[in-house]
Amino acid sequence: MSLNPDDFEEARQSRDPRFDGRFFVGVLTTGIYCRPVCPVKVPRKENVQLYPTAAAAATAGFRPCLRCRPESSPGTPAWAGSSWKVSRALQLIDQGMLDNGKVATLAAELEVGPRQLNRLFREHIGATPVEVAQTRRLHFAKKLIDETDMSLSDVCFAAGFGSVRRFNAVFNKTYARSPGELRKSGNRRAARPDGSAGAGSVRLSLSFRPPFDWQACLDFLAYRAIPGVEVVSANSYARTIAIDGYHGHFVAQFSEGSNALQLQIDFPKSRYLYQIIDRVRSIFDLRADSEQIEQHLIQDPCLRRVVKRNPGLRVPGCWDGLEVAVRAILGQQVTVKAASTLVARVVAKYGQAYSCDQAALTRVFPVASELADGTLDGLGIVSARIAAIQSVARLVADGELDISCHTATEEFIERICQCKGIGAWTAHYIAMRALDDPNAFPHSDLILRRAAAEPGATLTPRQLLNLAEPWQPWRAYAVLYLWKKYQQSVRGKSIKKEGKK
């Protein structure tokens, strides 16, 4: 599957960073594929073939460039014209589902046959699920070789290779040299800004496409931060994490003028590295293609002005779906800050203690079974909220509810709304932040209904749904823009009142 070079020629010639990861350039004269931002001399148009994904370029027989390092691109945007099943399959592959499993298992998870899934992948991605998984493993291993001091055996298993022998064979076939030779000959990236490397720490750079208003994203997270679990500064976000009983933390840092996030991970088991990075990408919505999304939303008169004024808004995700669910339930009919106070009490009672070099990170958010079996009395939480939290936690603990990208939004909303105390707004808000669904839409939200209406009016939920029809499949981004529109409108009125005084 290849693309029409005419559609991307200007972006290729100008090395436009907004197109990084949206297509890859196969150079016929060298047999190498590159990112559109590759610093080498731009090849002539007749000597290139464009591909929608790195896997498609690899499948066509091209090998990755050592200069621009395709493994460091932001990757193919999720939901970029793909079917829901392909998008979900890509997310599951990113989480390592094919590292030890088979395509049949992946297909069963998506309720399609293996042959149909392969056909969908060839149609939308230009490569089979197995080829996509192989490219992911190769790229992640190459990134760890270039940017960390991890041992090659740790790199091998962290990237999802089943054996060191297979790891070496793939690298020799792709790069005509071993992983060790690549590390010796490569342009090593410093682990820390000062060149040092902390014991047990892994530092990586994660690219994103501009525009990205990362300060707005940090503001969103800061306003909802859980004391002891999350710490947000003017340019960074840190939090504790838990996977399969192991605890750790990460620190993500942004800087002006850079199209990359600097990430430090402290976690005892390297085999979870990709899973952690995948969640970090979701928290900051790093895969998004703001240019494409905004060009779509800007067509609507209701959104045009706010989109132009606020380029690069992203939909903040989360580390854990249950955590967002608890916050959303506690946030019913109280302010955001009041909800943060309540959830901090829950964490103080049931979250495990944690200690690290980030002094403000002191607790790990409790797991589902602890919330389901414990008592939340005496924390200032009304009984209806306690019942709702424990009902959801029990479903999660028993494996009857999965609050992640594995679950389709419609299925999730139907299931969680069966819990007493969980309404449409709560369900859709959780879906927007925890299911990685760019089309999730809490249409009953009062602020949205006011922001989308004429001044002084309020739409009904049904009217807002009808108005939002043209915003699909990016309604979750429209939510952020409408919230921003309302916020700026309120701020503007306050300034006018101050001026009259």
Protein backbone atom coordinates (compact mmCIF):
# COMPACT_ATOMS: atom_id res chain seq x y z
CA MET A 1 0.00 0.00 0.00
CA SER A 2 1.58 3.28 -1.13
CA LEU A 3 0.53 6.93 -1.17
CA ASN A 4 0.36 9.47 -3.98
CA PRO A 5 3.63 11.49 -3.76
CA ASP A 6 1.83 14.56 -5.15
CA ASP A 7 -0.30 14.77 -2.00
CA PHE A 8 2.72 15.24 0.27
CA GLU A 9 5.39 16.78 -1.98
CA GLU A 10 5.36 20.21 -0.32
CA ALA A 11 5.62 18.69 3.15
CA ARG A 12 8.47 16.44 2.00
CA GLN A 13 10.42 19.28 0.40
CA SER A 14 10.03 21.57 3.43
CA ARG A 15 10.61 18.81 6.02
CA ASP A 16 7.42 19.94 7.72
CA PRO A 17 7.40 18.53 11.30
CA ARG A 18 3.57 18.52 11.29
CA PHE A 19 3.76 15.55 8.90
CA ASP A 20 6.30 13.56 10.90
CA GLY A 21 4.88 10.02 11.20
CA ARG A 22 1.96 10.71 8.85
CA PHE A 23 3.94 9.17 6.03
CA PHE A 24 7.35 7.56 5.43
CA VAL A 25 9.60 8.01 2.42
CA GLY A 26 11.02 4.94 0.70
CA VAL A 27 14.09 5.94 -1.35
CA LEU A 28 14.33 3.66 -4.37
CA THR A 29 18.01 4.40 -5.05
CA THR A 30 19.20 3.42 -1.55
CA GLY A 31 16.56 0.96 -0.33
CA ILE A 32 16.11 3.03 2.86
CA TYR A 33 12.94 4.52 4.32
CA CYS A 34 13.00 7.85 6.17
CA ARG A 35 10.85 10.26 8.11
CA PRO A 36 9.74 13.33 6.13
CA VAL A 37 11.94 15.43 8.46
CA CYS A 38 15.14 13.50 7.62
CA PRO A 39 18.12 15.93 7.53
CA VAL A 40 19.75 14.33 4.47
CA LYS A 41 19.39 15.87 1.02
CA VAL A 42 15.78 15.57 -0.14
CA PRO A 43 15.60 12.81 -2.79
CA ARG A 44 14.11 13.57 -6.18
CA LYS A 45 10.42 12.89 -6.54
CA GLU A 46 10.88 10.16 -9.14
CA ASN A 47 13.18 8.28 -6.74
CA VAL A 48 10.78 7.97 -3.84
CA GLN A 49 7.73 5.97 -2.85
CA LEU A 50 5.58 7.09 0.07
CA TYR A 51 3.99 4.77 2.64
CA PRO A 52 1.36 5.43 5.34
CA THR A 53 3.25 3.54 8.05
CA ALA A 54 6.76 2.39 8.84
CA ALA A 55 5.51 -1.19 8.74
CA ALA A 56 4.26 -0.69 5.18
CA ALA A 57 7.66 0.65 4.11
CA ALA A 58 9.42 -2.28 5.81
CA THR A 59 7.03 -4.75 4.19
CA ALA A 60 7.90 -3.22 0.81
CA GLY A 61 11.55 -4.13 1.42
CA PHE A 62 13.01 -0.83 2.66
CA ARG A 63 15.24 -0.69 5.73
CA PRO A 64 15.09 2.11 8.35
CA CYS A 65 17.36 5.15 8.06
CA LEU A 66 20.09 5.47 10.67
CA ARG A 67 20.12 9.27 10.41
CA CYS A 68 16.49 10.25 11.02
CA ARG A 69 15.70 7.09 13.02
CA PRO A 70 12.09 6.24 12.06
CA GLU A 71 11.73 4.59 15.47
CA SER A 72 11.76 8.09 17.01
CA SER A 73 8.88 9.49 14.97
CA PRO A 74 5.55 10.22 16.70
CA GLY A 75 4.15 7.23 14.83
CA THR A 76 1.03 6.90 12.73
CA PRO A 77 -1.86 8.88 14.28
CA ALA A 78 -4.50 6.68 15.85
CA TRP A 79 -7.86 6.67 14.06
CA ALA A 80 -6.31 8.27 10.95
CA GLY A 81 -8.97 7.03 8.59
CA SER A 82 -8.82 3.52 9.98
CA SER A 83 -11.76 1.41 11.02
CA TRP A 84 -12.46 1.09 14.74
CA LYS A 85 -11.24 -2.52 14.71
CA VAL A 86 -7.91 -1.58 13.09
CA SER A 87 -7.42 1.29 15.52
CA ARG A 88 -8.12 -0.93 18.53
CA ALA A 89 -5.90 -3.68 17.10
CA LEU A 90 -3.03 -1.20 16.76
CA GLN A 91 -3.47 -0.20 20.40
CA LEU A 92 -3.46 -3.84 21.50
CA ILE A 93 -0.35 -4.56 19.42
CA ASP A 94 1.33 -1.54 21.01
CA GLN A 95 0.60 -3.12 24.38
CA GLY A 96 2.39 -6.30 23.32
CA MET A 97 -0.54 -8.57 22.51
CA LEU A 98 1.34 -10.25 19.65
CA ASP A 99 4.62 -10.59 21.54
CA ASN A 100 3.46 -13.91 22.98
CA GLY A 101 0.08 -14.36 21.31
CA LYS A 102 -1.24 -15.13 17.86
CA VAL A 103 -3.22 -13.16 15.30
CA ALA A 104 -6.18 -15.48 15.95
CA THR A 105 -6.22 -14.33 19.60
CA LEU A 106 -6.07 -10.69 18.55
CA ALA A 107 -8.85 -11.25 16.00
CA ALA A 108 -11.03 -12.97 18.60
CA GLU A 109 -10.59 -10.00 20.93
CA LEU A 110 -11.99 -7.80 18.14
CA GLU A 111 -14.70 -10.33 17.18
CA VAL A 112 -13.47 -10.80 13.61
CA GLY A 113 -11.76 -13.67 11.83
CA PRO A 114 -7.95 -13.71 11.32
CA ARG A 115 -8.31 -13.46 7.54
CA GLN A 116 -10.63 -10.46 7.83
CA LEU A 117 -8.24 -8.75 10.26
CA ASN A 118 -5.32 -9.29 7.89
CA ARG A 119 -7.39 -7.86 5.04
CA LEU A 120 -8.34 -4.79 7.08
CA PHE A 121 -4.71 -4.19 8.02
CA ARG A 122 -3.51 -4.43 4.42
CA GLU A 123 -6.26 -2.03 3.36
CA HIS A 124 -5.71 0.60 6.07
CA ILE A 125 -2.10 0.11 7.22
CA GLY A 126 -0.32 -1.49 4.30
CA ALA A 127 1.03 -4.37 6.39
CA THR A 128 -0.30 -7.36 8.33
CA PRO A 129 -0.68 -7.37 12.14
CA VAL A 130 2.41 -9.57 12.44
CA GLU A 131 4.46 -7.18 10.29
CA VAL A 132 3.27 -4.22 12.36
CA ALA A 133 4.25 -6.01 15.59
CA GLN A 134 7.68 -6.91 14.17
CA THR A 135 8.31 -3.30 13.16
CA ARG A 136 7.21 -2.10 16.61
CA ARG A 137 9.60 -4.48 18.35
CA LEU A 138 12.48 -3.53 16.08
CA HIS A 139 11.89 0.21 16.44
CA PHE A 140 11.55 0.10 20.20
CA ALA A 141 14.70 -1.99 20.58
CA LYS A 142 16.63 0.40 18.33
CA LYS A 143 15.44 3.35 20.41
CA LEU A 144 16.57 1.68 23.64
CA ILE A 145 19.95 0.86 22.09
CA ASP A 146 20.45 4.48 21.00
CA GLU A 147 19.08 6.33 24.02
CA THR A 148 19.73 4.18 27.09
CA ASP A 149 22.50 2.25 28.82
CA MET A 150 20.35 -0.85 29.27
CA SER A 151 22.11 -4.15 28.66
CA LEU A 152 21.33 -5.65 25.25
CA SER A 153 19.65 -8.65 26.85
CA ASP A 154 17.34 -6.31 28.78
CA VAL A 155 16.66 -4.40 25.55
CA CYS A 156 15.80 -7.66 23.83
CA PHE A 157 13.10 -8.69 26.28
CA ALA A 158 11.83 -5.16 26.97
CA ALA A 159 11.10 -4.84 23.24
CA GLY A 160 9.16 -8.10 23.19
CA PHE A 161 11.62 -10.45 21.46
CA GLY A 162 11.28 -14.03 22.58
CA SER A 163 15.01 -14.79 22.54
CA VAL A 164 18.38 -13.09 22.18
CA ARG A 165 19.02 -15.25 19.12
CA ARG A 166 15.91 -13.92 17.38
CA PHE A 167 16.81 -10.38 18.49
CA ASN A 168 20.25 -10.60 16.91
CA ALA A 169 18.93 -12.23 13.74
CA VAL A 170 16.35 -9.48 13.12
CA PHE A 171 18.93 -6.72 13.60
CA ASN A 172 21.47 -8.41 11.35
CA LYS A 173 18.85 -8.86 8.66
CA THR A 174 17.54 -5.28 8.90
CA TYR A 175 20.70 -3.26 9.55
CA ALA A 176 23.39 -5.71 8.37
CA ARG A 177 24.99 -5.41 11.79
CA SER A 178 24.38 -6.71 15.30
CA PRO A 179 22.75 -4.72 18.13
CA GLY A 180 26.17 -4.41 19.78
CA GLU A 181 27.72 -3.02 16.60
CA LEU A 182 24.88 -0.53 16.25
CA ARG A 183 25.40 0.69 19.80
CA LYS A 184 29.14 1.17 19.24
CA SER A 185 28.72 2.99 15.94
CA GLY A 186 25.61 5.01 16.80
CA ASN A 187 25.34 8.61 17.93
CA ARG A 188 24.45 7.89 21.56
CA ARG A 189 21.96 10.18 23.25
CA ALA A 190 22.82 11.34 26.78
CA ALA A 191 20.68 9.73 29.46
CA ARG A 192 20.43 13.00 31.42
CA PRO A 193 20.83 16.65 30.44
CA ASP A 194 24.09 16.65 32.42
CA GLY A 195 25.22 13.42 30.74
CA SER A 196 24.88 11.23 33.81
CA ALA A 197 22.59 8.26 34.24
CA GLY A 198 20.68 7.51 37.42
CA ALA A 199 20.76 4.00 38.80
CA GLY A 200 17.61 2.15 37.84
CA SER A 201 16.40 5.02 35.63
CA VAL A 202 15.65 4.93 31.93
CA ARG A 203 15.49 8.19 30.01
CA LEU A 204 13.94 8.53 26.58
CA SER A 205 12.75 11.22 24.22
CA LEU A 206 9.19 10.95 22.83
CA SER A 207 8.41 13.01 19.74
CA PHE A 208 5.13 14.71 18.93
CA ARG A 209 3.76 16.69 16.00
CA PRO A 210 3.31 20.43 16.37
CA PRO A 211 1.22 22.28 17.20
CA PHE A 212 0.88 20.99 20.75
CA ASP A 213 -0.27 23.24 23.59
CA TRP A 214 1.45 21.17 26.25
CA GLN A 215 1.04 23.93 28.80
CA ALA A 216 -2.75 23.64 28.47
CA CYS A 217 -2.42 19.88 28.93
CA LEU A 218 -0.33 20.34 32.08
CA ASP A 219 -2.82 22.91 33.40
CA PHE A 220 -5.63 20.40 32.91
CA LEU A 221 -3.72 17.71 34.80
CA ALA A 222 -2.55 20.11 37.52
CA TYR A 223 -6.10 21.20 38.28
CA ARG A 224 -7.07 17.55 38.85
CA ALA A 225 -3.83 16.25 40.38
CA ILE A 226 -4.12 13.78 43.27
CA PRO A 227 -1.81 14.81 46.15
CA GLY A 228 0.83 12.17 46.80
CA VAL A 229 0.16 10.41 43.48
CA GLU A 230 0.72 13.23 40.97
CA VAL A 231 2.90 16.35 40.93
CA VAL A 232 2.64 18.97 38.19
CA SER A 233 4.98 21.92 37.68
CA ALA A 234 5.07 24.63 35.02
CA ASN A 235 6.74 22.26 32.55
CA SER A 236 6.58 18.75 34.00
CA TYR A 237 4.29 15.99 35.20
CA ALA A 238 5.32 13.23 37.61
CA ARG A 239 3.32 10.38 39.11
CA THR A 240 3.54 7.02 40.81
CA ILE A 241 2.53 3.93 38.83
CA ALA A 242 1.67 0.30 39.52
CA ILE A 243 1.68 -2.72 37.20
CA ASP A 244 1.06 -6.30 38.31
CA GLY A 245 2.03 -5.52 41.89
CA TYR A 246 5.24 -3.64 41.01
CA HIS A 247 5.53 0.06 41.89
CA GLY A 248 7.51 2.88 40.31
CA HIS A 249 7.17 6.40 38.95
CA PHE A 250 7.93 8.54 35.93
CA VAL A 251 8.67 12.20 35.24
CA ALA A 252 7.71 13.80 31.91
CA GLN A 253 9.24 17.15 31.05
CA PHE A 254 8.57 19.61 28.23
CA SER A 255 10.63 22.54 26.97
CA GLU A 256 9.88 25.48 24.70
CA GLY A 257 10.97 25.11 21.10
CA SER A 258 11.19 21.30 21.25
CA ASN A 259 8.88 18.79 19.58
CA ALA A 260 9.72 16.08 22.09
CA LEU A 261 8.91 15.14 25.66
CA GLN A 262 11.79 14.02 27.88
CA LEU A 263 10.77 11.02 29.93
CA GLN A 264 12.46 9.45 32.96
CA ILE A 265 11.09 6.08 34.09
CA ASP A 266 12.00 4.43 37.39
CA PHE A 267 10.50 0.95 37.47
CA PRO A 268 11.91 -2.35 38.78
CA LYS A 269 11.00 -4.48 35.73
CA SER A 270 12.23 -3.45 32.27
CA ARG A 271 9.77 -5.77 30.51
CA TYR A 272 7.02 -3.23 31.29
CA LEU A 273 8.83 -0.31 29.65
CA TYR A 274 6.82 -0.26 26.44
CA GLN A 275 3.57 -0.51 28.37
CA ILE A 276 4.59 2.46 30.50
CA ILE A 277 5.60 4.51 27.47
CA ASP A 278 2.34 3.63 25.73
CA ARG A 279 0.38 5.02 28.69
CA VAL A 280 2.52 8.18 28.79
CA ARG A 281 1.75 8.75 25.11
CA SER A 282 -1.94 8.45 25.94
CA ILE A 283 -1.77 10.74 28.98
CA PHE A 284 -0.40 13.53 26.78
CA ASP A 285 -2.13 12.41 23.57
CA LEU A 286 1.24 12.42 21.81
CA ARG A 287 0.00 10.46 18.79
CA ALA A 288 -2.56 13.08 17.81
CA ASP A 289 -2.34 14.96 14.54
CA SER A 290 -3.53 18.42 15.60
CA GLU A 291 -3.27 19.82 12.10
CA GLN A 292 -5.66 17.23 10.70
CA ILE A 293 -8.08 17.48 13.64
CA GLU A 294 -8.20 21.27 13.58
CA GLN A 295 -8.71 21.45 9.83
CA HIS A 296 -11.78 19.27 10.36
CA LEU A 297 -13.23 21.15 13.34
CA ILE A 298 -12.53 24.61 11.98
CA GLN A 299 -15.16 24.06 9.29
CA ASP A 300 -17.89 24.47 11.93
CA PRO A 301 -18.86 28.08 12.75
CA CYS A 302 -19.40 27.15 16.41
CA LEU A 303 -15.77 26.07 16.80
CA ARG A 304 -13.91 28.12 14.20
CA ARG A 305 -12.83 31.02 16.36
CA VAL A 306 -11.76 29.05 19.44
CA VAL A 307 -9.81 26.55 17.33
CA LYS A 308 -7.91 29.35 15.59
CA ARG A 309 -7.14 31.01 18.91
CA ASN A 310 -5.98 27.83 20.65
CA PRO A 311 -3.99 25.59 18.28
CA GLY A 312 -2.71 22.27 19.55
CA LEU A 313 -5.22 21.35 22.26
CA ARG A 314 -5.02 17.65 23.11
CA VAL A 315 -7.31 15.30 25.03
CA PRO A 316 -5.50 14.40 28.30
CA GLY A 317 -5.65 10.68 28.96
CA CYS A 318 -4.88 8.83 32.17
CA TRP A 319 -2.63 6.21 33.70
CA ASP A 320 -5.45 4.01 34.98
CA GLY A 321 -9.12 3.87 34.06
CA LEU A 322 -10.31 3.06 37.58
CA GLU A 323 -8.52 6.13 38.90
CA VAL A 324 -10.41 8.37 36.45
CA ALA A 325 -13.67 6.59 37.27
CA VAL A 326 -13.21 7.23 41.01
CA ARG A 327 -12.41 10.89 40.33
CA ALA A 328 -15.43 11.28 38.05
CA ILE A 329 -17.78 9.72 40.61
CA LEU A 330 -16.43 11.88 43.43
CA GLY A 331 -16.72 14.91 41.14
CA GLN A 332 -20.46 14.57 40.76
CA GLN A 333 -22.14 17.74 42.06
CA VAL A 334 -18.95 19.09 43.68
CA THR A 335 -16.10 21.25 42.41
CA VAL A 336 -12.98 19.78 40.83
CA LYS A 337 -10.90 20.85 43.82
CA ALA A 338 -13.36 19.30 46.27
CA ALA A 339 -13.17 16.04 44.31
CA SER A 340 -9.36 16.16 44.52
CA THR A 341 -9.59 16.51 48.29
CA LEU A 342 -11.89 13.50 48.55
CA VAL A 343 -9.79 11.28 46.30
CA ALA A 344 -6.68 12.28 48.29
CA ARG A 345 -8.39 10.91 51.42
CA VAL A 346 -9.13 7.65 49.61
CA VAL A 347 -5.49 7.36 48.53
CA ALA A 348 -4.22 8.20 52.03
CA LYS A 349 -6.33 5.38 53.49
CA TYR A 350 -5.87 2.64 50.89
CA GLY A 351 -2.93 3.63 48.68
CA GLN A 352 0.39 1.98 49.46
CA ALA A 353 3.23 4.17 50.70
CA TYR A 354 5.94 5.00 48.16
CA SER A 355 9.33 6.66 48.44
CA CYS A 356 11.57 8.05 45.69
CA ASP A 357 13.73 11.04 44.75
CA GLN A 358 10.54 13.00 43.98
CA ALA A 359 9.65 13.98 47.54
CA ALA A 360 6.02 14.83 46.76
CA LEU A 361 5.30 11.35 45.37
CA THR A 362 4.33 9.38 48.45
CA ARG A 363 1.42 7.10 47.52
CA VAL A 364 0.36 4.64 44.83
CA PHE A 365 -3.31 4.72 43.83
CA PRO A 366 -5.13 1.71 45.35
CA VAL A 367 -6.02 -1.29 43.20
CA ALA A 368 -9.63 -2.27 42.48
CA SER A 369 -9.86 -5.05 45.10
CA GLU A 370 -8.74 -2.68 47.89
CA LEU A 371 -11.50 -0.21 47.03
CA ALA A 372 -14.12 -2.90 46.53
CA ASP A 373 -13.43 -4.63 49.86
CA GLY A 374 -12.60 -1.62 52.03
CA THR A 375 -14.81 0.89 53.77
CA LEU A 376 -14.87 4.49 52.65
CA ASP A 377 -16.90 5.72 55.62
CA GLY A 378 -15.57 8.69 57.56
CA LEU A 379 -13.90 10.34 54.55
CA GLY A 380 -16.62 12.89 53.88
CA ILE A 381 -18.00 10.93 50.91
CA VAL A 382 -21.77 10.56 50.70
CA SER A 383 -23.10 7.00 50.79
CA ALA A 384 -24.38 7.06 47.19
CA ARG A 385 -20.87 7.89 45.91
CA ILE A 386 -19.33 5.18 48.10
CA ALA A 387 -21.74 2.61 46.68
CA ALA A 388 -20.99 3.68 43.10
CA ILE A 389 -17.20 3.55 43.62
CA GLN A 390 -17.32 0.12 45.22
CA SER A 391 -19.69 -1.20 42.56
CA VAL A 392 -17.33 -0.14 39.75
CA ALA A 393 -14.27 -1.35 41.67
CA ARG A 394 -15.85 -4.78 42.20
CA LEU A 395 -16.61 -5.13 38.49
CA VAL A 396 -13.02 -4.22 37.65
CA ALA A 397 -11.57 -6.55 40.31
CA ASP A 398 -13.70 -9.45 39.04
CA GLY A 399 -12.74 -8.83 35.42
CA GLU A 400 -16.28 -7.90 34.40
CA LEU A 401 -15.40 -4.32 33.44
CA ASP A 402 -12.30 -3.19 31.55
CA ILE A 403 -11.77 0.58 31.64
CA SER A 404 -9.19 0.77 28.87
CA CYS A 405 -8.77 0.98 25.12
CA HIS A 406 -9.59 -2.75 24.93
CA THR A 407 -13.26 -1.87 25.34
CA ALA A 408 -15.51 -0.23 22.74
CA THR A 409 -17.09 2.97 24.01
CA GLU A 410 -20.70 1.87 23.45
CA GLU A 411 -20.10 -1.42 25.25
CA PHE A 412 -18.34 0.33 28.14
CA ILE A 413 -21.06 2.94 28.61
CA GLU A 414 -23.82 0.34 28.58
CA ARG A 415 -22.00 -1.77 31.17
CA ILE A 416 -20.93 0.95 33.61
CA CYS A 417 -24.31 2.71 33.52
CA GLN A 418 -25.80 -0.43 35.04
CA CYS A 419 -24.08 0.60 38.27
CA LYS A 420 -26.37 2.66 40.48
CA GLY A 421 -25.13 6.24 40.67
CA ILE A 422 -23.38 6.20 37.27
CA GLY A 423 -25.10 8.38 34.70
CA ALA A 424 -24.43 9.33 31.11
CA TRP A 425 -22.11 12.25 31.90
CA THR A 426 -19.87 10.20 34.19
CA ALA A 427 -19.70 7.30 31.71
CA HIS A 428 -18.87 9.49 28.70
CA TYR A 429 -16.28 11.51 30.61
CA ILE A 430 -14.50 8.33 31.70
CA ALA A 431 -14.62 7.05 28.12
CA MET A 432 -13.09 10.28 26.82
CA ARG A 433 -10.09 10.07 29.12
CA ALA A 434 -9.58 6.33 29.69
CA LEU A 435 -10.64 4.57 26.48
CA ASP A 436 -8.50 6.61 24.07
CA ASP A 437 -11.62 7.27 22.00
CA PRO A 438 -11.29 10.58 20.09
CA ASN A 439 -15.03 10.54 19.44
CA ALA A 440 -16.24 10.15 23.04
CA PHE A 441 -18.64 12.95 23.87
CA PRO A 442 -20.20 13.78 27.29
CA HIS A 443 -23.10 15.57 25.63
CA SER A 444 -25.03 16.15 28.86
CA ASP A 445 -22.25 18.36 30.27
CA LEU A 446 -23.75 21.71 31.27
CA ILE A 447 -20.68 23.77 30.32
CA LEU A 448 -20.60 22.21 26.86
CA ARG A 449 -24.29 22.94 26.35
CA ARG A 450 -23.75 26.58 27.29
CA ALA A 451 -20.53 27.03 25.32
CA ALA A 452 -22.10 25.66 22.13
CA ALA A 453 -25.24 27.81 22.43
CA GLU A 454 -25.88 31.47 21.66
CA PRO A 455 -24.89 33.85 24.49
CA GLY A 456 -27.25 33.46 27.43
CA ALA A 457 -28.79 30.23 26.11
CA THR A 458 -28.28 26.56 26.96
CA LEU A 459 -28.75 23.66 24.54
CA THR A 460 -30.43 20.43 25.53
CA PRO A 461 -28.30 17.28 25.41
CA ARG A 462 -30.16 16.17 22.27
CA GLN A 463 -29.58 19.54 20.58
CA LEU A 464 -25.87 19.35 21.39
CA LEU A 465 -25.65 15.82 19.99
CA ASN A 466 -27.26 16.97 16.76
CA LEU A 467 -24.97 19.98 16.52
CA ALA A 468 -21.92 17.74 17.06
CA GLU A 469 -22.71 15.35 14.20
CA PRO A 470 -20.24 17.08 11.80
CA TRP A 471 -17.50 17.01 14.45
CA GLN A 472 -17.11 13.23 14.22
CA PRO A 473 -14.74 11.41 14.59
CA TRP A 474 -13.07 14.15 16.70
CA ARG A 475 -15.81 15.08 19.18
CA ALA A 476 -13.53 14.58 22.21
CA TYR A 477 -11.31 17.36 20.88
CA ALA A 478 -14.38 19.55 20.37
CA VAL A 479 -15.07 19.05 24.09
CA LEU A 480 -11.69 20.56 24.99
CA TYR A 481 -12.26 23.48 22.64
CA LEU A 482 -15.74 24.17 24.02
CA TRP A 483 -14.47 24.05 27.60
CA LYS A 484 -11.73 26.46 26.55
CA LYS A 485 -14.29 28.69 24.83
CA TYR A 486 -16.39 28.86 27.98
CA GLN A 487 -13.35 29.47 30.18
CA GLN A 488 -12.14 32.33 28.00
CA SER A 489 -15.65 33.79 27.83
CA VAL A 490 -15.98 33.83 31.63
CA ARG A 491 -12.51 35.32 31.98
CA GLY A 492 -13.37 37.99 29.43
CA LYS A 493 -16.52 38.98 31.32
CA SER A 494 -14.54 39.23 34.55
CA ILE A 495 -12.00 41.53 32.93
CA LYS A 496 -14.79 43.77 31.59
CA LYS A 497 -16.35 44.00 35.07
CA GLU A 498 -12.97 44.92 36.57
CA GLY A 499 -12.55 47.59 33.92
CA LYS A 500 -15.91 49.18 34.82
CA LYS A 501 -14.90 49.39 38.45
